[in-house]
PDB file of N, CA and C in Angstrom:
ATOM      1  N   UNK A   1       0.699  -1.122  -0.144  1.00  0.00           N
ATOM      2  CA  UNK A   1      -0.060  -0.054  -0.120  1.00  0.00           C
ATOM      3  C   UNK A   1       0.759   0.916  -0.059  1.00  0.00           C
ATOM      4  N   UNK A   2       0.469   2.156  -0.720  1.00  0.00           N
ATOM      5  CA  UNK A   2       1.366   3.464  -0.789  1.00  0.00           C
ATOM      6  C   UNK A   2       1.291   4.272   0.513  1.00  0.00           C
ATOM      7  N   UNK A   3       2.350   4.977   0.896  1.00  0.00           N
ATOM      8  CA  UNK A   3       2.266   5.751   2.196  1.00  0.00           C
ATOM      9  C   UNK A   3       2.626   7.173   1.881  1.00  0.00           C
ATOM     10  N   UNK A   4       2.252   8.037   2.797  1.00  0.00           N
ATOM     11  CA  UNK A   4       2.383   9.258   2.597  1.00  0.00           C
ATOM     12  C   UNK A   4       3.083   9.825   4.012  1.00  0.00           C
ATOM     13  N   UNK A   5       4.001  10.799   3.748  1.00  0.00           N
ATOM     14  CA  UNK A   5       4.766  11.313   5.073  1.00  0.00           C
ATOM     15  C   UNK A   5       3.848  12.408   5.503  1.00  0.00           C
ATOM     16  N   UNK A   6       3.793  12.519   6.727  1.00  0.00           N
ATOM     17  CA  UNK A   6       3.172  13.624   7.229  1.00  0.00           C
ATOM     18  C   UNK A   6       4.061  14.104   8.586  1.00  0.00           C
ATOM     19  N   UNK A   7       3.684  15.152   9.109  1.00  0.00           N
ATOM     20  CA  UNK A   7       4.400  15.832  10.162  1.00  0.00           C
ATOM     21  C   UNK A   7       3.473  15.901  11.271  1.00  0.00           C
ATOM     22  N   UNK A   8       3.834  15.227  12.467  1.00  0.00           N
ATOM     23  CA  UNK A   8       2.865  15.157  13.734  1.00  0.00           C
ATOM     24  C   UNK A   8       3.384  15.795  14.826  1.00  0.00           C
ATOM     25  N   UNK A   9       2.959  16.632  15.665  1.00  0.00           N
ATOM     26  CA  UNK A   9       3.210  17.051  16.978  1.00  0.00           C
ATOM     27  C   UNK A   9       2.724  16.690  17.953  1.00  0.00           C
ATOM     28  N   UNK A  10       3.733  15.698  18.942  1.00  0.00           N
ATOM     29  CA  UNK A  10       3.136  15.320  20.037  1.00  0.00           C
ATOM     30  C   UNK A  10       3.632  15.735  21.424  1.00  0.00           C
ATOM     31  N   UNK A  11       3.071  15.447  22.410  1.00  0.00           N
ATOM     32  CA  UNK A  11       3.676  15.893  23.572  1.00  0.00           C
ATOM     33  C   UNK A  11       5.000  15.131  24.037  1.00  0.00           C
ATOM     34  N   UNK A  12       5.961  15.793  24.509  1.00  0.00           N
ATOM     35  CA  UNK A  12       7.098  15.040  24.791  1.00  0.00           C
ATOM     36  C   UNK A  12       7.271  13.797  25.661  1.00  0.00           C
ATOM     37  N   UNK A  13       6.186  13.681  26.698  1.00  0.00           N
ATOM     38  CA  UNK A  13       6.308  12.489  27.346  1.00  0.00           C
ATOM     39  C   UNK A  13       5.509  11.463  26.592  1.00  0.00           C
ATOM     40  N   UNK A  14       4.579  11.641  25.578  1.00  0.00           N
ATOM     41  CA  UNK A  14       4.163  10.536  24.614  1.00  0.00           C
ATOM     42  C   UNK A  14       5.231  10.270  23.779  1.00  0.00           C
ATOM     43  N   UNK A  15       6.017  11.098  23.430  1.00  0.00           N
ATOM     44  CA  UNK A  15       7.166  10.762  22.434  1.00  0.00           C
ATOM     45  C   UNK A  15       7.920   9.729  23.322  1.00  0.00           C
ATOM     46  N   UNK A  16       8.388  10.261  24.550  1.00  0.00           N
ATOM     47  CA  UNK A  16       9.144   9.126  25.370  1.00  0.00           C
ATOM     48  C   UNK A  16       8.717   7.687  25.392  1.00  0.00           C
ATOM     49  N   UNK A  17       7.363   7.811  25.632  1.00  0.00           N
ATOM     50  CA  UNK A  17       6.625   6.487  25.550  1.00  0.00           C
ATOM     51  C   UNK A  17       6.669   5.714  24.452  1.00  0.00           C
ATOM     52  N   UNK A  18       6.549   6.530  23.241  1.00  0.00           N
ATOM     53  CA  UNK A  18       6.588   5.813  22.027  1.00  0.00           C
ATOM     54  C   UNK A  18       8.085   5.225  21.743  1.00  0.00           C
ATOM     55  N   UNK A  19       9.095   6.197  21.950  1.00  0.00           N
ATOM     56  CA  UNK A  19      10.490   5.623  21.807  1.00  0.00           C
ATOM     57  C   UNK A  19      10.638   4.453  22.717  1.00  0.00           C
ATOM     58  N   UNK A  20      10.186   4.274  23.793  1.00  0.00           N
ATOM     59  CA  UNK A  20      10.277   3.195  24.796  1.00  0.00           C
ATOM     60  C   UNK A  20       9.839   1.795  23.958  1.00  0.00           C
ATOM     61  N   UNK A  21       8.508   2.051  23.322  1.00  0.00           N
ATOM     62  CA  UNK A  21       8.035   0.641  22.671  1.00  0.00           C
ATOM     63  C   UNK A  21       8.964   0.433  21.385  1.00  0.00           C
ATOM     64  N   UNK A  22       9.427   1.464  20.805  1.00  0.00           N
ATOM     65  CA  UNK A  22      10.392   1.097  19.655  1.00  0.00           C
ATOM     66  C   UNK A  22      11.583   0.472  20.172  1.00  0.00           C
ATOM     67  N   UNK A  23      12.157   0.996  21.366  1.00  0.00           N
ATOM     68  CA  UNK A  23      13.557   0.451  21.982  1.00  0.00           C
ATOM     69  C   UNK A  23      13.221  -1.030  22.401  1.00  0.00           C
ATOM     70  N   UNK A  24      11.951  -1.081  23.039  1.00  0.00           N
ATOM     71  CA  UNK A  24      11.751  -2.529  23.436  1.00  0.00           C
ATOM     72  C   UNK A  24      11.342  -3.647  22.164  1.00  0.00           C
ATOM     73  N   UNK A  25      11.468  -2.835  21.023  1.00  0.00           N
ATOM     74  CA  UNK A  25      11.340  -3.805  19.724  1.00  0.00           C
ATOM     75  C   UNK A  25       9.891  -4.047  19.734  1.00  0.00           C
ATOM     76  N   UNK A  26       8.961  -3.579  20.371  1.00  0.00           N
ATOM     77  CA  UNK A  26       7.611  -3.786  20.079  1.00  0.00           C
ATOM     78  C   UNK A  26       6.908  -3.222  18.814  1.00  0.00           C
ATOM     79  N   UNK A  27       7.710  -2.139  18.290  1.00  0.00           N
ATOM     80  CA  UNK A  27       7.438  -1.789  16.993  1.00  0.00           C
ATOM     81  C   UNK A  27       8.871  -1.501  16.323  1.00  0.00           C
ATOM     82  N   UNK A  28       8.943  -1.726  14.988  1.00  0.00           N
ATOM     83  CA  UNK A  28      10.188  -1.627  14.198  1.00  0.00           C
ATOM     84  C   UNK A  28      10.348  -0.201  14.147  1.00  0.00           C
ATOM     85  N   UNK A  29       9.657   0.850  14.232  1.00  0.00           N
ATOM     86  CA  UNK A  29      10.007   2.223  14.120  1.00  0.00           C
ATOM     87  C   UNK A  29       8.655   3.025  14.826  1.00  0.00           C
ATOM     88  N   UNK A  30       9.086   4.429  14.733  1.00  0.00           N
ATOM     89  CA  UNK A  30       8.060   5.233  15.372  1.00  0.00           C
ATOM     90  C   UNK A  30       6.796   5.320  14.273  1.00  0.00           C
ATOM     91  N   UNK A  31       7.297   5.350  13.101  1.00  0.00           N
ATOM     92  CA  UNK A  31       6.258   5.335  12.092  1.00  0.00           C
ATOM     93  C   UNK A  31       5.214   4.326  12.213  1.00  0.00           C
ATOM     94  N   UNK A  32       5.781   3.046  12.335  1.00  0.00           N
ATOM     95  CA  UNK A  32       4.853   1.744  12.538  1.00  0.00           C
ATOM     96  C   UNK A  32       4.309   1.879  13.703  1.00  0.00           C
ATOM     97  N   UNK A  33       4.706   2.315  14.904  1.00  0.00           N
ATOM     98  CA  UNK A  33       3.834   2.436  16.132  1.00  0.00           C
ATOM     99  C   UNK A  33       2.848   3.474  15.864  1.00  0.00           C
ATOM    100  N   UNK A  34       2.943   4.527  15.360  1.00  0.00           N
ATOM    101  CA  UNK A  34       1.921   5.607  15.132  1.00  0.00           C
ATOM    102  C   UNK A  34       0.858   4.984  14.153  1.00  0.00           C
ATOM    103  N   UNK A  35       1.382   4.287  13.095  1.00  0.00           N
ATOM    104  CA  UNK A  35       0.313   3.968  12.003  1.00  0.00           C
ATOM    105  C   UNK A  35      -0.580   2.995  12.911  1.00  0.00           C
ATOM    106  N   UNK A  36       0.057   2.039  13.899  1.00  0.00           N
ATOM    107  CA  UNK A  36      -0.813   1.033  14.549  1.00  0.00           C
ATOM    108  C   UNK A  36      -1.748   1.816  15.471  1.00  0.00           C
ATOM    109  N   UNK A  37      -1.318   2.645  16.083  1.00  0.00           N
ATOM    110  CA  UNK A  37      -2.226   3.336  16.905  1.00  0.00           C
ATOM    111  C   UNK A  37      -3.320   4.040  16.248  1.00  0.00           C
ATOM    112  N   UNK A  38      -2.856   4.687  15.083  1.00  0.00           N
ATOM    113  CA  UNK A  38      -4.315   5.285  14.142  1.00  0.00           C
ATOM    114  C   UNK A  38      -4.947   4.118  13.744  1.00  0.00           C
ATOM    115  N   UNK A  39      -4.669   3.004  13.279  1.00  0.00           N
ATOM    116  CA  UNK A  39      -5.552   2.148  12.864  1.00  0.00           C
ATOM    117  C   UNK A  39      -6.444   1.735  14.039  1.00  0.00           C
ATOM    118  N   UNK A  40      -5.665   1.242  15.037  1.00  0.00           N
ATOM    119  CA  UNK A  40      -6.572   0.903  16.315  1.00  0.00           C
ATOM    120  C   UNK A  40      -7.726   1.779  16.684  1.00  0.00           C
ATOM    121  N   UNK A  41      -7.397   3.129  16.627  1.00  0.00           N
ATOM    122  CA  UNK A  41      -8.199   4.254  16.992  1.00  0.00           C
ATOM    123  C   UNK A  41      -9.214   4.344  15.911  1.00  0.00           C
ATOM    124  N   UNK A  42      -8.853   4.178  14.891  1.00  0.00           N
ATOM    125  CA  UNK A  42     -10.253   4.321  13.836  1.00  0.00           C
ATOM    126  C   UNK A  42     -11.093   3.024  13.711  1.00  0.00           C
ATOM    127  N   UNK A  43     -10.425   1.861  14.097  1.00  0.00           N
ATOM    128  CA  UNK A  43     -11.504   0.609  14.350  1.00  0.00           C
ATOM    129  C   UNK A  43     -12.126   0.953  15.544  1.00  0.00           C
ATOM    130  N   UNK A  44     -11.818   1.426  16.544  1.00  0.00           N
ATOM    131  CA  UNK A  44     -12.528   1.588  17.572  1.00  0.00           C
ATOM    132  C   UNK A  44     -13.578   2.839  17.639  1.00  0.00           C
ATOM    133  N   UNK A  45     -13.496   3.590  16.838  1.00  0.00           N
ATOM    134  CA  UNK A  45     -14.300   4.646  16.490  1.00  0.00           C
ATOM    135  C   UNK A  45     -15.640   4.079  15.525  1.00  0.00           C
ATOM    136  N   UNK A  46     -14.916   3.232  14.701  1.00  0.00           N
ATOM    137  CA  UNK A  46     -15.968   2.647  13.726  1.00  0.00           C
ATOM    138  C   UNK A  46     -16.866   1.732  14.444  1.00  0.00           C
ATOM    139  N   UNK A  47     -16.524   0.995  15.460  1.00  0.00           N
ATOM    140  CA  UNK A  47     -17.060  -0.024  16.292  1.00  0.00           C
ATOM    141  C   UNK A  47     -18.048   0.797  17.181  1.00  0.00           C
ATOM    142  N   UNK A  48     -17.724   1.901  17.749  1.00  0.00           N
ATOM    143  CA  UNK A  48     -18.855   2.798  18.428  1.00  0.00           C
ATOM    144  C   UNK A  48     -19.732   3.266  17.623  1.00  0.00           C
ATOM    145  N   UNK A  49     -19.456   3.624  16.345  1.00  0.00           N
ATOM    146  CA  UNK A  49     -20.561   4.167  15.471  1.00  0.00           C
ATOM    147  C   UNK A  49     -21.565   3.143  15.107  1.00  0.00           C
ATOM    148  N   UNK A  50     -21.149   1.961  15.081  1.00  0.00           N
ATOM    149  CA  UNK A  50     -21.984   0.726  14.733  1.00  0.00           C
ATOM    150  C   UNK A  50     -22.886   0.582  16.082  1.00  0.00           C
ATOM    151  N   UNK A  51     -22.437   0.566  17.207  1.00  0.00           N
ATOM    152  CA  UNK A  51     -22.975   0.410  18.576  1.00  0.00           C
ATOM    153  C   UNK A  51     -24.080   1.383  18.530  1.00  0.00           C
ATOM    154  N   UNK A  52     -23.738   2.880  18.169  1.00  0.00           N
ATOM    155  CA  UNK A  52     -24.690   3.785  18.616  1.00  0.00           C
ATOM    156  C   UNK A  52     -25.659   3.790  17.284  1.00  0.00           C
ATOM    157  N   UNK A  53     -25.550   3.312  16.146  1.00  0.00           N
ATOM    158  CA  UNK A  53     -26.539   3.228  15.222  1.00  0.00           C
ATOM    159  C   UNK A  53     -27.382   2.045  15.652  1.00  0.00           C
ATOM    160  N   UNK A  54     -26.919   0.842  16.195  1.00  0.00           N
ATOM    161  CA  UNK A  54     -27.860  -0.223  16.662  1.00  0.00           C
ATOM    162  C   UNK A  54     -28.745   0.114  17.665  1.00  0.00           C
ATOM    163  N   UNK A  55     -28.068   0.981  18.592  1.00  0.00           N
ATOM    164  CA  UNK A  55     -28.807   1.536  19.800  1.00  0.00           C
ATOM    165  C   UNK A  55     -30.222   2.167  19.293  1.00  0.00           C
ATOM    166  N   UNK A  56     -30.042   2.988  18.204  1.00  0.00           N
ATOM    167  CA  UNK A  56     -31.203   3.700  17.695  1.00  0.00           C
ATOM    168  C   UNK A  56     -32.363   2.673  17.289  1.00  0.00           C
ATOM    169  N   UNK A  57     -32.109   1.542  16.951  1.00  0.00           N
ATOM    170  CA  UNK A  57     -33.085   0.730  16.552  1.00  0.00           C
ATOM    171  C   UNK A  57     -34.148   0.471  17.589  1.00  0.00           C
ATOM    172  N   UNK A  58     -35.387   0.304  17.103  1.00  0.00           N
ATOM    173  CA  UNK A  58     -36.639  -0.144  18.062  1.00  0.00           C
ATOM    174  C   UNK A  58     -36.766  -1.748  17.890  1.00  0.00           C
ATOM    175  N   UNK A  59     -36.414  -2.185  19.208  1.00  0.00           N
ATOM    176  CA  UNK A  59     -36.402  -3.685  19.259  1.00  0.00           C
ATOM    177  C   UNK A  59     -37.775  -4.347  18.921  1.00  0.00           C
ATOM    178  N   UNK A  60     -38.887  -3.531  19.203  1.00  0.00           N
ATOM    179  CA  UNK A  60     -40.318  -4.173  19.101  1.00  0.00           C
ATOM    180  C   UNK A  60     -40.480  -3.972  17.450  1.00  0.00           C
ATOM    181  N   UNK A  61     -40.087  -3.000  16.864  1.00  0.00           N
ATOM    182  CA  UNK A  61     -40.343  -2.974  15.252  1.00  0.00           C
ATOM    183  C   UNK A  61     -39.254  -3.970  14.650  1.00  0.00           C
ATOM    184  N   UNK A  62     -38.076  -3.992  15.136  1.00  0.00           N
ATOM    185  CA  UNK A  62     -37.298  -5.110  14.490  1.00  0.00           C
ATOM    186  C   UNK A  62     -37.543  -6.487  14.712  1.00  0.00           C
ATOM    187  N   UNK A  63     -38.395  -6.688  15.737  1.00  0.00           N
ATOM    188  CA  UNK A  63     -38.973  -8.132  15.975  1.00  0.00           C
ATOM    189  C   UNK A  63     -40.105  -8.483  15.017  1.00  0.00           C
ATOM    190  N   UNK A  64     -40.811  -7.235  14.982  1.00  0.00           N
ATOM    191  CA  UNK A  64     -42.186  -7.324  13.966  1.00  0.00           C
ATOM    192  C   UNK A  64     -41.613  -7.750  12.489  1.00  0.00           C
ATOM    193  N   UNK A  65     -40.466  -7.054  12.218  1.00  0.00           N
ATOM    194  CA  UNK A  65     -40.041  -7.376  10.848  1.00  0.00           C
ATOM    195  C   UNK A  65     -39.552  -8.848  10.790  1.00  0.00           C
ATOM    196  N   UNK A  66     -38.800  -9.230  11.801  1.00  0.00           N
ATOM    197  CA  UNK A  66     -38.356 -10.710  11.761  1.00  0.00           C
ATOM    198  C   UNK A  66     -39.416 -11.508  11.812  1.00  0.00           C
ATOM    199  N   UNK A  67     -40.284 -11.443  12.428  1.00  0.00           N
ATOM    200  CA  UNK A  67     -41.723 -12.314  12.465  1.00  0.00           C
ATOM    201  C   UNK A  67     -42.322 -12.235  11.152  1.00  0.00           C
ATOM    202  N   UNK A  68     -42.202 -11.073  10.520  1.00  0.00           N
ATOM    203  CA  UNK A  68     -43.147 -10.803   9.304  1.00  0.00           C
ATOM    204  C   UNK A  68     -42.230 -11.928   8.311  1.00  0.00           C
ATOM    205  N   UNK A  69     -41.051 -11.812   8.233  1.00  0.00           N
ATOM    206  CA  UNK A  69     -40.232 -12.405   7.232  1.00  0.00           C
ATOM    207  C   UNK A  69     -40.432 -13.988   7.678  1.00  0.00           C
ATOM    208  N   UNK A  70     -40.433 -14.329   8.762  1.00  0.00           N
ATOM    209  CA  UNK A  70     -40.594 -15.913   9.194  1.00  0.00           C
ATOM    210  C   UNK A  70     -41.952 -16.350   8.847  1.00  0.00           C
ATOM    211  N   UNK A  71     -43.197 -15.491   8.914  1.00  0.00           N
ATOM    212  CA  UNK A  71     -44.208 -16.209   8.639  1.00  0.00           C
ATOM    213  C   UNK A  71     -44.535 -16.732   7.303  1.00  0.00           C
ATOM    214  N   UNK A  72     -44.029 -15.881   6.308  1.00  0.00           N
ATOM    215  CA  UNK A  72     -44.278 -16.314   4.985  1.00  0.00           C
ATOM    216  C   UNK A  72     -43.273 -17.711   4.569  1.00  0.00           C
ATOM    217  N   UNK A  73     -42.396 -18.004   5.330  1.00  0.00           N
ATOM    218  CA  UNK A  73     -41.554 -19.061   5.310  1.00  0.00           C
ATOM    219  C   UNK A  73     -41.901 -19.965   6.075  1.00  0.00           C
ATOM    220  N   UNK A  74     -42.388 -20.044   7.005  1.00  0.00           N
ATOM    221  CA  UNK A  74     -42.765 -20.963   8.149  1.00  0.00           C
ATOM    222  C   UNK A  74     -43.423 -22.016   7.403  1.00  0.00           C
ATOM    223  N   UNK A  75     -44.447 -21.957   6.607  1.00  0.00           N
ATOM    224  CA  UNK A  75     -45.376 -22.894   6.031  1.00  0.00           C
ATOM    225  C   UNK A  75     -44.481 -23.975   5.206  1.00  0.00           C
ATOM    226  N   UNK A  76     -43.191 -23.425   4.622  1.00  0.00           N
ATOM    227  CA  UNK A  76     -42.542 -24.386   3.893  1.00  0.00           C
ATOM    228  C   UNK A  76     -41.608 -25.135   4.593  1.00  0.00           C
ATOM    229  N   UNK A  77     -41.378 -24.695   5.891  1.00  0.00           N
ATOM    230  CA  UNK A  77     -40.533 -25.572   6.646  1.00  0.00           C
ATOM    231  C   UNK A  77     -40.859 -27.052   6.872  1.00  0.00           C
ATOM    232  N   UNK A  78     -40.277 -27.924   7.162  1.00  0.00           N
ATOM    233  CA  UNK A  78     -40.608 -29.227   7.608  1.00  0.00           C
ATOM    234  C   UNK A  78     -40.801 -29.153   9.026  1.00  0.00           C
ATOM    235  N   UNK A  79     -41.758 -29.947   9.520  1.00  0.00           N
ATOM    236  CA  UNK A  79     -42.031 -30.204  10.925  1.00  0.00           C
ATOM    237  C   UNK A  79     -41.019 -31.015  11.586  1.00  0.00           C
ATOM    238  N   UNK A  80     -40.730 -30.604  12.788  1.00  0.00           N
ATOM    239  CA  UNK A  80     -39.957 -31.347  13.657  1.00  0.00           C
ATOM    240  C   UNK A  80     -40.526 -31.952  14.549  1.00  0.00           C
TER     241      UNK A  80
END
């Protein structure tokens, strides 16, 4: 995947912590550490968005939709 170079300003203490992770070889470089952090944060934000959108659903209306779909197919199901 193509990459792009950017300039980022961070708090000195955060940079010390980042460099410690690189020194411990948990990441090969600052760039890899920052990229991993950005990916994790974006994934977390996307997951939270899905949860917020799901919370907007009306459980009763959703159940009615599910039941409506089942009633049409239920006659074709074998009896157990």
